[in-house]
PDB file of N, CA and C in Angstrom:
ATOM      1  N   MET A   1      17.706  -4.238  -0.184  1.00  0.00           N
ATOM      2  CA  MET A   1      19.177  -4.670   0.061  1.00  0.00           C
ATOM      3  C   MET A   1      19.458  -5.698  -1.132  1.00  0.00           C
ATOM      4  N   CYS A   2      20.764  -5.724  -1.287  1.00  0.00           N
ATOM      5  CA  CYS A   2      21.174  -6.634  -2.433  1.00  0.00           C
ATOM      6  C   CYS A   2      21.246  -8.061  -1.869  1.00  0.00           C
ATOM      7  N   LYS A   3      20.878  -8.955  -2.584  1.00  0.00           N
ATOM      8  CA  LYS A   3      20.929 -10.348  -2.182  1.00  0.00           C
ATOM      9  C   LYS A   3      22.276 -11.032  -2.537  1.00  0.00           C
ATOM     10  N   THR A   4      22.928 -10.550  -3.687  1.00  0.00           N
ATOM     11  CA  THR A   4      24.110 -11.164  -4.090  1.00  0.00           C
ATOM     12  C   THR A   4      25.150  -9.996  -4.231  1.00  0.00           C
ATOM     13  N   LEU A   5      24.927  -9.114  -5.344  1.00  0.00           N
ATOM     14  CA  LEU A   5      26.030  -8.224  -5.716  1.00  0.00           C
ATOM     15  C   LEU A   5      25.322  -6.958  -5.992  1.00  0.00           C
ATOM     16  N   CYS A   6      25.813  -5.934  -5.320  1.00  0.00           N
ATOM     17  CA  CYS A   6      25.222  -4.640  -5.541  1.00  0.00           C
ATOM     18  C   CYS A   6      26.362  -3.804  -6.292  1.00  0.00           C
ATOM     19  N   MET A   7      25.749  -2.977  -7.280  1.00  0.00           N
ATOM     20  CA  MET A   7      26.739  -2.191  -8.014  1.00  0.00           C
ATOM     21  C   MET A   7      25.983  -0.817  -8.339  1.00  0.00           C
ATOM     22  N   ALA A   8      26.945   0.264  -8.198  1.00  0.00           N
ATOM     23  CA  ALA A   8      26.479   1.618  -8.428  1.00  0.00           C
ATOM     24  C   ALA A   8      26.432   1.696  -9.973  1.00  0.00           C
ATOM     25  N   THR A   9      25.312   2.300 -10.338  1.00  0.00           N
ATOM     26  CA  THR A   9      25.057   2.436 -11.748  1.00  0.00           C
ATOM     27  C   THR A   9      24.369   3.883 -12.013  1.00  0.00           C
ATOM     28  N   ASN A  10      24.968   4.549 -12.991  1.00  0.00           N
ATOM     29  CA  ASN A  10      24.425   5.862 -13.420  1.00  0.00           C
ATOM     30  C   ASN A  10      23.451   5.579 -14.569  1.00  0.00           C
ATOM     31  N   LEU A  11      22.152   5.880 -14.309  1.00  0.00           N
ATOM     32  CA  LEU A  11      21.138   5.616 -15.320  1.00  0.00           C
ATOM     33  C   LEU A  11      20.422   6.902 -15.695  1.00  0.00           C
ATOM     34  N   ASN A  12      20.120   7.065 -16.928  1.00  0.00           N
ATOM     35  CA  ASN A  12      19.363   8.275 -17.376  1.00  0.00           C
ATOM     36  C   ASN A  12      17.873   7.851 -17.347  1.00  0.00           C
ATOM     37  N   ILE A  13      17.168   8.063 -16.242  1.00  0.00           N
ATOM     38  CA  ILE A  13      15.684   7.582 -16.113  1.00  0.00           C
ATOM     39  C   ILE A  13      14.850   8.863 -16.318  1.00  0.00           C
ATOM     40  N   ASP A  14      13.779   8.560 -16.972  1.00  0.00           N
ATOM     41  CA  ASP A  14      12.808   9.703 -17.215  1.00  0.00           C
ATOM     42  C   ASP A  14      12.322  10.158 -15.968  1.00  0.00           C
ATOM     43  N   PRO A  15      12.590  11.405 -15.469  1.00  0.00           N
ATOM     44  CA  PRO A  15      12.175  11.888 -14.233  1.00  0.00           C
ATOM     45  C   PRO A  15      10.678  11.950 -13.959  1.00  0.00           C
ATOM     46  N   GLU A  16       9.867  12.206 -15.018  1.00  0.00           N
ATOM     47  CA  GLU A  16       8.447  12.069 -14.858  1.00  0.00           C
ATOM     48  C   GLU A  16       7.903  10.725 -14.438  1.00  0.00           C
ATOM     49  N   LEU A  17       8.528   9.657 -15.184  1.00  0.00           N
ATOM     50  CA  LEU A  17       8.190   8.284 -14.855  1.00  0.00           C
ATOM     51  C   LEU A  17       8.521   7.983 -13.326  1.00  0.00           C
ATOM     52  N   LEU A  18       9.763   8.378 -13.090  1.00  0.00           N
ATOM     53  CA  LEU A  18      10.267   8.003 -11.724  1.00  0.00           C
ATOM     54  C   LEU A  18       9.451   8.689 -10.616  1.00  0.00           C
ATOM     55  N   GLU A  19       9.055   9.946 -10.821  1.00  0.00           N
ATOM     56  CA  GLU A  19       8.222  10.644  -9.890  1.00  0.00           C
ATOM     57  C   GLU A  19       6.816   9.902  -9.710  1.00  0.00           C
ATOM     58  N   GLU A  20       6.193   9.711 -10.827  1.00  0.00           N
ATOM     59  CA  GLU A  20       4.874   8.918 -10.851  1.00  0.00           C
ATOM     60  C   GLU A  20       5.036   7.535 -10.095  1.00  0.00           C
ATOM     61  N   ALA A  21       6.079   6.852 -10.446  1.00  0.00           N
ATOM     62  CA  ALA A  21       6.317   5.528  -9.677  1.00  0.00           C
ATOM     63  C   ALA A  21       6.572   5.703  -8.227  1.00  0.00           C
ATOM     64  N   LEU A  22       7.174   6.817  -7.797  1.00  0.00           N
ATOM     65  CA  LEU A  22       7.413   7.199  -6.478  1.00  0.00           C
ATOM     66  C   LEU A  22       6.054   7.375  -5.668  1.00  0.00           C
ATOM     67  N   LYS A  23       5.193   8.089  -6.386  1.00  0.00           N
ATOM     68  CA  LYS A  23       3.840   8.400  -5.892  1.00  0.00           C
ATOM     69  C   LYS A  23       3.010   7.107  -5.740  1.00  0.00           C
ATOM     70  N   ILE A  24       2.916   6.370  -6.932  1.00  0.00           N
ATOM     71  CA  ILE A  24       2.095   5.261  -6.882  1.00  0.00           C
ATOM     72  C   ILE A  24       2.483   4.169  -5.965  1.00  0.00           C
ATOM     73  N   GLY A  25       3.834   4.004  -5.990  1.00  0.00           N
ATOM     74  CA  GLY A  25       4.435   2.868  -5.131  1.00  0.00           C
ATOM     75  C   GLY A  25       4.447   3.157  -3.707  1.00  0.00           C
ATOM     76  N   GLY A  26       4.470   4.379  -3.384  1.00  0.00           N
ATOM     77  CA  GLY A  26       4.468   4.832  -1.942  1.00  0.00           C
ATOM     78  C   GLY A  26       5.809   4.406  -1.166  1.00  0.00           C
ATOM     79  N   LEU A  27       6.842   4.253  -1.858  1.00  0.00           N
ATOM     80  CA  LEU A  27       8.141   4.025  -1.382  1.00  0.00           C
ATOM     81  C   LEU A  27       8.824   5.203  -0.954  1.00  0.00           C
ATOM     82  N   ARG A  28       9.826   5.028  -0.155  1.00  0.00           N
ATOM     83  CA  ARG A  28      10.426   6.249   0.401  1.00  0.00           C
ATOM     84  C   ARG A  28      11.653   6.881  -0.536  1.00  0.00           C
ATOM     85  N   THR A  29      12.342   5.941  -1.256  1.00  0.00           N
ATOM     86  CA  THR A  29      13.424   6.439  -2.038  1.00  0.00           C
ATOM     87  C   THR A  29      13.310   5.999  -3.483  1.00  0.00           C
ATOM     88  N   LYS A  30      14.114   6.641  -4.318  1.00  0.00           N
ATOM     89  CA  LYS A  30      14.231   6.382  -5.746  1.00  0.00           C
ATOM     90  C   LYS A  30      14.703   4.921  -5.962  1.00  0.00           C
ATOM     91  N   ARG A  31      15.723   4.554  -5.106  1.00  0.00           N
ATOM     92  CA  ARG A  31      16.429   3.308  -5.188  1.00  0.00           C
ATOM     93  C   ARG A  31      15.363   2.166  -4.874  1.00  0.00           C
ATOM     94  N   GLU A  32      14.647   2.376  -3.780  1.00  0.00           N
ATOM     95  CA  GLU A  32      13.500   1.385  -3.549  1.00  0.00           C
ATOM     96  C   GLU A  32      12.587   1.249  -4.680  1.00  0.00           C
ATOM     97  N   THR A  33      12.280   2.391  -5.271  1.00  0.00           N
ATOM     98  CA  THR A  33      11.215   2.408  -6.250  1.00  0.00           C
ATOM     99  C   THR A  33      11.754   1.626  -7.489  1.00  0.00           C
ATOM    100  N   VAL A  34      12.943   1.912  -7.795  1.00  0.00           N
ATOM    101  CA  VAL A  34      13.618   1.227  -9.097  1.00  0.00           C
ATOM    102  C   VAL A  34      13.830  -0.174  -8.761  1.00  0.00           C
ATOM    103  N   ASN A  35      14.213  -0.583  -7.585  1.00  0.00           N
ATOM    104  CA  ASN A  35      14.374  -2.004  -7.301  1.00  0.00           C
ATOM    105  C   ASN A  35      13.065  -2.716  -7.264  1.00  0.00           C
ATOM    106  N   GLN A  36      12.087  -2.117  -6.722  1.00  0.00           N
ATOM    107  CA  GLN A  36      10.755  -2.734  -6.758  1.00  0.00           C
ATOM    108  C   GLN A  36      10.105  -2.893  -8.181  1.00  0.00           C
ATOM    109  N   ALA A  37      10.465  -1.837  -9.068  1.00  0.00           N
ATOM    110  CA  ALA A  37       9.796  -1.949 -10.409  1.00  0.00           C
ATOM    111  C   ALA A  37      10.682  -2.998 -11.218  1.00  0.00           C
ATOM    112  N   LEU A  38      11.888  -3.194 -10.905  1.00  0.00           N
ATOM    113  CA  LEU A  38      12.703  -4.292 -11.605  1.00  0.00           C
ATOM    114  C   LEU A  38      12.174  -5.603 -11.213  1.00  0.00           C
ATOM    115  N   ASP A  39      12.024  -5.743  -9.778  1.00  0.00           N
ATOM    116  CA  ASP A  39      11.399  -6.919  -9.229  1.00  0.00           C
ATOM    117  C   ASP A  39      10.086  -7.411  -9.899  1.00  0.00           C
ATOM    118  N   GLU A  40       9.184  -6.335  -9.883  1.00  0.00           N
ATOM    119  CA  GLU A  40       7.870  -6.644 -10.599  1.00  0.00           C
ATOM    120  C   GLU A  40       7.994  -7.073 -12.041  1.00  0.00           C
ATOM    121  N   PHE A  41       8.952  -6.299 -12.783  1.00  0.00           N
ATOM    122  CA  PHE A  41       9.215  -6.507 -14.135  1.00  0.00           C
ATOM    123  C   PHE A  41       9.579  -8.057 -14.257  1.00  0.00           C
ATOM    124  N   ILE A  42      10.575  -8.489 -13.530  1.00  0.00           N
ATOM    125  CA  ILE A  42      11.089  -9.804 -13.637  1.00  0.00           C
ATOM    126  C   ILE A  42      10.089 -10.874 -13.362  1.00  0.00           C
ATOM    127  N   LYS A  43       9.251 -10.657 -12.266  1.00  0.00           N
ATOM    128  CA  LYS A  43       8.310 -11.631 -12.049  1.00  0.00           C
ATOM    129  C   LYS A  43       7.159 -11.701 -13.078  1.00  0.00           C
ATOM    130  N   ARG A  44       6.804 -10.513 -13.555  1.00  0.00           N
ATOM    131  CA  ARG A  44       5.837 -10.549 -14.563  1.00  0.00           C
ATOM    132  C   ARG A  44       6.260 -11.334 -15.901  1.00  0.00           C
ATOM    133  N   ARG A  45       7.642 -11.123 -16.198  1.00  0.00           N
ATOM    134  CA  ARG A  45       8.191 -11.742 -17.351  1.00  0.00           C
ATOM    135  C   ARG A  45       8.220 -13.287 -17.234  1.00  0.00           C
ATOM    136  N   LYS A  46       8.601 -13.660 -15.930  1.00  0.00           N
ATOM    137  CA  LYS A  46       8.715 -15.137 -15.711  1.00  0.00           C
ATOM    138  C   LYS A  46       7.280 -15.724 -15.771  1.00  0.00           C
ATOM    139  N   ARG A  47       6.286 -15.034 -15.226  1.00  0.00           N
ATOM    140  CA  ARG A  47       4.829 -15.631 -15.403  1.00  0.00           C
ATOM    141  C   ARG A  47       4.419 -15.635 -16.782  1.00  0.00           C
ATOM    142  N   GLN A  48       4.850 -14.695 -17.801  1.00  0.00           N
ATOM    143  CA  GLN A  48       4.507 -14.760 -18.896  1.00  0.00           C
ATOM    144  C   GLN A  48       5.211 -15.949 -19.742  1.00  0.00           C
ATOM    145  N   GLN A  49       6.408 -16.384 -19.329  1.00  0.00           N
ATOM    146  CA  GLN A  49       7.100 -17.453 -19.876  1.00  0.00           C
ATOM    147  C   GLN A  49       6.477 -18.735 -19.491  1.00  0.00           C
ATOM    148  N   LEU A  50       5.881 -18.740 -18.237  1.00  0.00           N
ATOM    149  CA  LEU A  50       5.219 -19.999 -17.793  1.00  0.00           C
ATOM    150  C   LEU A  50       3.841 -20.240 -18.660  1.00  0.00           C
ATOM    151  N   LEU A  51       3.322 -19.167 -18.797  1.00  0.00           N
ATOM    152  CA  LEU A  51       2.035 -19.318 -19.642  1.00  0.00           C
ATOM    153  C   LEU A  51       2.278 -19.711 -21.058  1.00  0.00           C
ATOM    154  N   LEU A  52       3.351 -19.296 -21.629  1.00  0.00           N
ATOM    155  CA  LEU A  52       3.749 -19.875 -22.890  1.00  0.00           C
ATOM    156  C   LEU A  52       4.132 -21.273 -22.879  1.00  0.00           C
ATOM    157  N   LEU A  53       4.680 -21.732 -21.774  1.00  0.00           N
ATOM    158  CA  LEU A  53       5.012 -23.223 -21.700  1.00  0.00           C
ATOM    159  C   LEU A  53       3.788 -23.908 -21.428  1.00  0.00           C
ATOM    160  N   GLU A  54       2.841 -23.534 -20.798  1.00  0.00           N
ATOM    161  CA  GLU A  54       1.438 -24.083 -20.516  1.00  0.00           C
ATOM    162  C   GLU A  54       0.835 -24.670 -21.874  1.00  0.00           C
ATOM    163  N   LYS A  55       0.975 -23.905 -22.922  1.00  0.00           N
ATOM    164  CA  LYS A  55       0.451 -24.199 -24.190  1.00  0.00           C
ATOM    165  C   LYS A  55       1.128 -25.312 -24.957  1.00  0.00           C
ATOM    166  N   LYS A  56       2.323 -25.534 -24.438  1.00  0.00           N
ATOM    167  CA  LYS A  56       3.220 -26.566 -24.923  1.00  0.00           C
ATOM    168  C   LYS A  56       2.951 -27.916 -24.338  1.00  0.00           C
ATOM    169  N   ILE A  57       2.476 -28.017 -23.171  1.00  0.00           N
ATOM    170  CA  ILE A  57       2.312 -29.211 -22.400  1.00  0.00           C
ATOM    171  C   ILE A  57       1.052 -29.813 -22.759  1.00  0.00           C
ATOM    172  N   GLU A  58       1.214 -31.206 -23.086  1.00  0.00           N
ATOM    173  CA  GLU A  58       0.045 -31.960 -23.461  1.00  0.00           C
ATOM    174  C   GLU A  58      -0.489 -32.616 -22.193  1.00  0.00           C
ATOM    175  N   TYR A  59      -1.816 -32.527 -21.950  1.00  0.00           N
ATOM    176  CA  TYR A  59      -2.541 -33.169 -20.924  1.00  0.00           C
ATOM    177  C   TYR A  59      -3.337 -34.225 -21.349  1.00  0.00           C
ATOM    178  N   HIS A  60      -3.498 -35.312 -20.636  1.00  0.00           N
ATOM    179  CA  HIS A  60      -4.273 -36.382 -20.931  1.00  0.00           C
ATOM    180  C   HIS A  60      -5.427 -36.528 -19.805  1.00  0.00           C
ATOM    181  N   THR A  61      -6.566 -36.109 -20.354  1.00  0.00           N
ATOM    182  CA  THR A  61      -7.683 -35.922 -19.517  1.00  0.00           C
ATOM    183  C   THR A  61      -8.186 -37.270 -18.815  1.00  0.00           C
ATOM    184  N   ASP A  62      -7.823 -38.350 -19.441  1.00  0.00           N
ATOM    185  CA  ASP A  62      -8.184 -39.660 -18.919  1.00  0.00           C
ATOM    186  C   ASP A  62      -7.238 -40.314 -17.935  1.00  0.00           C
ATOM    187  N   TYR A  63      -6.064 -39.591 -17.712  1.00  0.00           N
ATOM    188  CA  TYR A  63      -5.167 -40.126 -16.674  1.00  0.00           C
ATOM    189  C   TYR A  63      -5.580 -40.006 -15.298  1.00  0.00           C
ATOM    190  N   ASP A  64      -5.429 -41.070 -14.531  1.00  0.00           N
ATOM    191  CA  ASP A  64      -5.847 -41.184 -13.169  1.00  0.00           C
ATOM    192  C   ASP A  64      -4.818 -41.133 -12.204  1.00  0.00           C
ATOM    193  N   TYR A  65      -4.458 -39.926 -11.764  1.00  0.00           N
ATOM    194  CA  TYR A  65      -3.227 -39.786 -10.923  1.00  0.00           C
ATOM    195  C   TYR A  65      -3.463 -40.641  -9.553  1.00  0.00           C
ATOM    196  N   LYS A  66      -4.676 -40.668  -9.095  1.00  0.00           N
ATOM    197  CA  LYS A  66      -4.929 -41.406  -7.803  1.00  0.00           C
ATOM    198  C   LYS A  66      -4.603 -42.924  -7.977  1.00  0.00           C
ATOM    199  N   GLU A  67      -4.954 -43.489  -9.127  1.00  0.00           N
ATOM    200  CA  GLU A  67      -4.766 -44.845  -9.425  1.00  0.00           C
ATOM    201  C   GLU A  67      -3.258 -45.013  -9.498  1.00  0.00           C
ATOM    202  N   ALA A  68      -2.551 -44.078 -10.120  1.00  0.00           N
ATOM    203  CA  ALA A  68      -1.068 -44.244 -10.283  1.00  0.00           C
ATOM    204  C   ALA A  68      -0.307 -44.192  -8.892  1.00  0.00           C
ATOM    205  N   ARG A  69      -0.976 -43.495  -7.958  1.00  0.00           N
ATOM    206  CA  ARG A  69      -0.356 -43.450  -6.632  1.00  0.00           C
ATOM    207  C   ARG A  69      -0.672 -44.701  -5.863  1.00  0.00           C
ATOM    208  N   ARG A  70      -1.825 -45.332  -6.145  1.00  0.00           N
ATOM    209  CA  ARG A  70      -2.093 -46.580  -5.491  1.00  0.00           C
ATOM    210  C   ARG A  70      -1.074 -47.762  -5.925  1.00  0.00           C
ATOM    211  N   LYS A  71      -0.643 -47.604  -7.142  1.00  0.00           N
ATOM    212  CA  LYS A  71       0.256 -48.721  -7.622  1.00  0.00           C
ATOM    213  C   LYS A  71       1.666 -48.595  -7.140  1.00  0.00           C
ATOM    214  N   ARG A  72       2.056 -47.661  -6.439  1.00  0.00           N
ATOM    215  CA  ARG A  72       3.429 -47.428  -5.851  1.00  0.00           C
ATOM    216  C   ARG A  72       3.648 -48.474  -4.822  1.00  0.00           C
TER     217      ARG A  72
END
């Protein structure tokens, strides 16, 4: 089901890829299969972006977060 906006779209999808996705995914319809694939694609890309961010964050190993909480 659509969470916000549903739109009808004509796509030229490789039929062999779609059939394989249907078999592997175990879903009932092409629509469910495509929606699941898009959802997984988005989640994977967001995880990749988080991993890239992780390399940019500087951690201080000597920081004592418990001590900082006690000072509140």
